[in-house]
Every structure is written in structure tokens, then in C-alpha cells.
Amino acid sequence: MFTNGVCDQTNFHQYNVMRLNEAPKMEIHIIDSGENPGGVGEPGLPPIAPALGNTIFAATGKRIRKLPFDIANLG
């Protein structure tokens, strides 16, 4: 959460992590291919950065186009 453009949390002990039952529904498709096995343990991870970037844009009107995100310098 932010108040007057400043993050209310100072560290992880104050940040409430979203629980699975609070997360939006996701649909993951594992595609069979002839490639060598690469694992499917984290297929939902790649869309997190663009989703977070879109959320930051919706909240601030500023686009972040480089990783790692530096939200301290949005002004």
C-alpha cells in the first residue's frame, strides 16, 4: 500500500503476501513438444513481471521497462 506516494511498508514483516485463495484465476497450459525436458515447476512465473508492470502503470501512470523494477525513481 502507498500513502501520498510513499510505501507504507518498510520491510517484509509489514507486507501481507497474497494468499492463494486471494489470487486471480490463472490458466496454465503445458505444451507437449519435441524439446529436451526443461521442467514445468514454475510456469506461472514469467507473466508476473509484466503483470506487476501494468499494475504500477495503472497506479502511477509511469511505465517501467527494465528489470529489476526501481519504483523509488518513478517521479
C-alpha atoms as a PDB file:
ATOM      1  CA  MET A   1       0.000   0.000   0.000  1.00  0.00           C
ATOM      2  CA  PHE A   2       1.040   3.576  -0.632  1.00  0.00           C
ATOM      3  CA  THR A   3       0.119   6.775   1.178  1.00  0.00           C
ATOM      4  CA  ASN A   4       0.881  10.077  -0.578  1.00  0.00           C
ATOM      5  CA  GLY A   5       3.160   8.219  -2.995  1.00  0.00           C
ATOM      6  CA  VAL A   6       5.240   6.594  -0.223  1.00  0.00           C
ATOM      7  CA  CYS A   7       5.265   2.874   0.500  1.00  0.00           C
ATOM      8  CA  ASP A   8       3.667   2.115   3.878  1.00  0.00           C
ATOM      9  CA  GLN A   9       5.781  -0.992   4.469  1.00  0.00           C
ATOM     10  CA  THR A  10       9.443  -0.723   5.405  1.00  0.00           C
ATOM     11  CA  ASN A  11      10.283  -4.420   5.144  1.00  0.00           C
ATOM     12  CA  PHE A  12       8.782  -7.857   4.575  1.00  0.00           C
ATOM     13  CA  HIS A  13       7.467  -8.185   8.139  1.00  0.00           C
ATOM     14  CA  GLN A  14       4.897  -5.482   7.327  1.00  0.00           C
ATOM     15  CA  TYR A  15       3.926  -6.751   3.888  1.00  0.00           C
ATOM     16  CA  ASN A  16       0.912  -9.046   3.637  1.00  0.00           C
ATOM     17  CA  VAL A  17       1.639 -11.619   0.952  1.00  0.00           C
ATOM     18  CA  MET A  18      -1.309 -12.531  -1.251  1.00  0.00           C
ATOM     19  CA  ARG A  19      -2.663 -15.938  -0.340  1.00  0.00           C
ATOM     20  CA  LEU A  20      -3.580 -18.482  -2.968  1.00  0.00           C
ATOM     21  CA  ASN A  21      -7.308 -18.039  -2.316  1.00  0.00           C
ATOM     22  CA  GLU A  22      -6.912 -14.281  -2.961  1.00  0.00           C
ATOM     23  CA  ALA A  23      -5.080 -14.680  -6.272  1.00  0.00           C
ATOM     24  CA  PRO A  24      -6.929 -14.209  -9.551  1.00  0.00           C
ATOM     25  CA  LYS A  25      -7.739 -17.332 -11.526  1.00  0.00           C
ATOM     26  CA  MET A  26      -4.928 -18.360 -13.851  1.00  0.00           C
ATOM     27  CA  GLU A  27      -4.956 -20.844 -16.659  1.00  0.00           C
ATOM     28  CA  ILE A  28      -1.642 -22.543 -17.405  1.00  0.00           C
ATOM     29  CA  HIS A  29      -1.151 -24.708 -20.496  1.00  0.00           C
ATOM     30  CA  ILE A  30       1.785 -27.087 -20.719  1.00  0.00           C
ATOM     31  CA  ILE A  31       2.530 -27.722 -24.375  1.00  0.00           C
ATOM     32  CA  ASP A  32       3.929 -31.046 -25.464  1.00  0.00           C
ATOM     33  CA  SER A  33       6.954 -30.578 -27.701  1.00  0.00           C
ATOM     34  CA  GLY A  34       9.989 -32.409 -29.000  1.00  0.00           C
ATOM     35  CA  GLU A  35      12.377 -30.245 -26.957  1.00  0.00           C
ATOM     36  CA  ASN A  36      14.511 -31.594 -24.121  1.00  0.00           C
ATOM     37  CA  PRO A  37      12.749 -31.597 -20.754  1.00  0.00           C
ATOM     38  CA  GLY A  38      13.002 -28.248 -19.034  1.00  0.00           C
ATOM     39  CA  GLY A  39      10.632 -28.669 -16.147  1.00  0.00           C
ATOM     40  CA  VAL A  40       7.214 -27.199 -15.528  1.00  0.00           C
ATOM     41  CA  GLY A  41       7.608 -26.295 -11.871  1.00  0.00           C
ATOM     42  CA  GLU A  42       7.160 -22.548 -12.288  1.00  0.00           C
ATOM     43  CA  PRO A  43       5.130 -21.946 -15.464  1.00  0.00           C
ATOM     44  CA  GLY A  44       3.194 -19.112 -13.839  1.00  0.00           C
ATOM     45  CA  LEU A  45       6.325 -17.087 -13.030  1.00  0.00           C
ATOM     46  CA  PRO A  46       7.099 -15.416 -16.408  1.00  0.00           C
ATOM     47  CA  PRO A  47       3.875 -13.347 -16.530  1.00  0.00           C
ATOM     48  CA  ILE A  48       4.460 -11.860 -13.067  1.00  0.00           C
ATOM     49  CA  ALA A  49       6.833  -9.058 -14.194  1.00  0.00           C
ATOM     50  CA  PRO A  50       4.563  -7.721 -16.965  1.00  0.00           C
ATOM     51  CA  ALA A  51       1.507  -8.007 -14.706  1.00  0.00           C
ATOM     52  CA  LEU A  52       3.279  -6.071 -11.959  1.00  0.00           C
ATOM     53  CA  GLY A  53       4.488  -3.513 -14.514  1.00  0.00           C
ATOM     54  CA  ASN A  54       0.919  -2.996 -15.707  1.00  0.00           C
ATOM     55  CA  THR A  55      -0.259  -2.625 -12.111  1.00  0.00           C
ATOM     56  CA  ILE A  56       2.389   0.020 -11.414  1.00  0.00           C
ATOM     57  CA  PHE A  57       1.380   1.835 -14.599  1.00  0.00           C
ATOM     58  CA  ALA A  58      -2.298   1.729 -13.615  1.00  0.00           C
ATOM     59  CA  ALA A  59      -1.467   3.145 -10.172  1.00  0.00           C
ATOM     60  CA  THR A  60       1.091   5.773 -11.201  1.00  0.00           C
ATOM     61  CA  GLY A  61       0.801   6.404 -14.944  1.00  0.00           C
ATOM     62  CA  LYS A  62       4.534   5.605 -15.305  1.00  0.00           C
ATOM     63  CA  ARG A  63       5.843   2.710 -17.403  1.00  0.00           C
ATOM     64  CA  ILE A  64       8.730   0.630 -16.096  1.00  0.00           C
ATOM     65  CA  ARG A  65      10.546  -1.109 -18.901  1.00  0.00           C
ATOM     66  CA  LYS A  66      13.654  -2.528 -17.200  1.00  0.00           C
ATOM     67  CA  LEU A  67      14.213  -5.196 -14.587  1.00  0.00           C
ATOM     68  CA  PRO A  68      14.702  -5.097 -11.697  1.00  0.00           C
ATOM     69  CA  PHE A  69      11.902  -2.588 -11.037  1.00  0.00           C
ATOM     70  CA  ASP A  70      13.016   0.611  -9.354  1.00  0.00           C
ATOM     71  CA  ILE A  71       9.793   2.120  -8.061  1.00  0.00           C
ATOM     72  CA  ALA A  72      11.714   4.582  -5.888  1.00  0.00           C
ATOM     73  CA  ASN A  73      12.519   6.628  -9.011  1.00  0.00           C
ATOM     74  CA  LEU A  74       9.114   6.912 -10.654  1.00  0.00           C
ATOM     75  CA  GLY A  75       8.918  10.677 -10.230  1.00  0.00           C
END
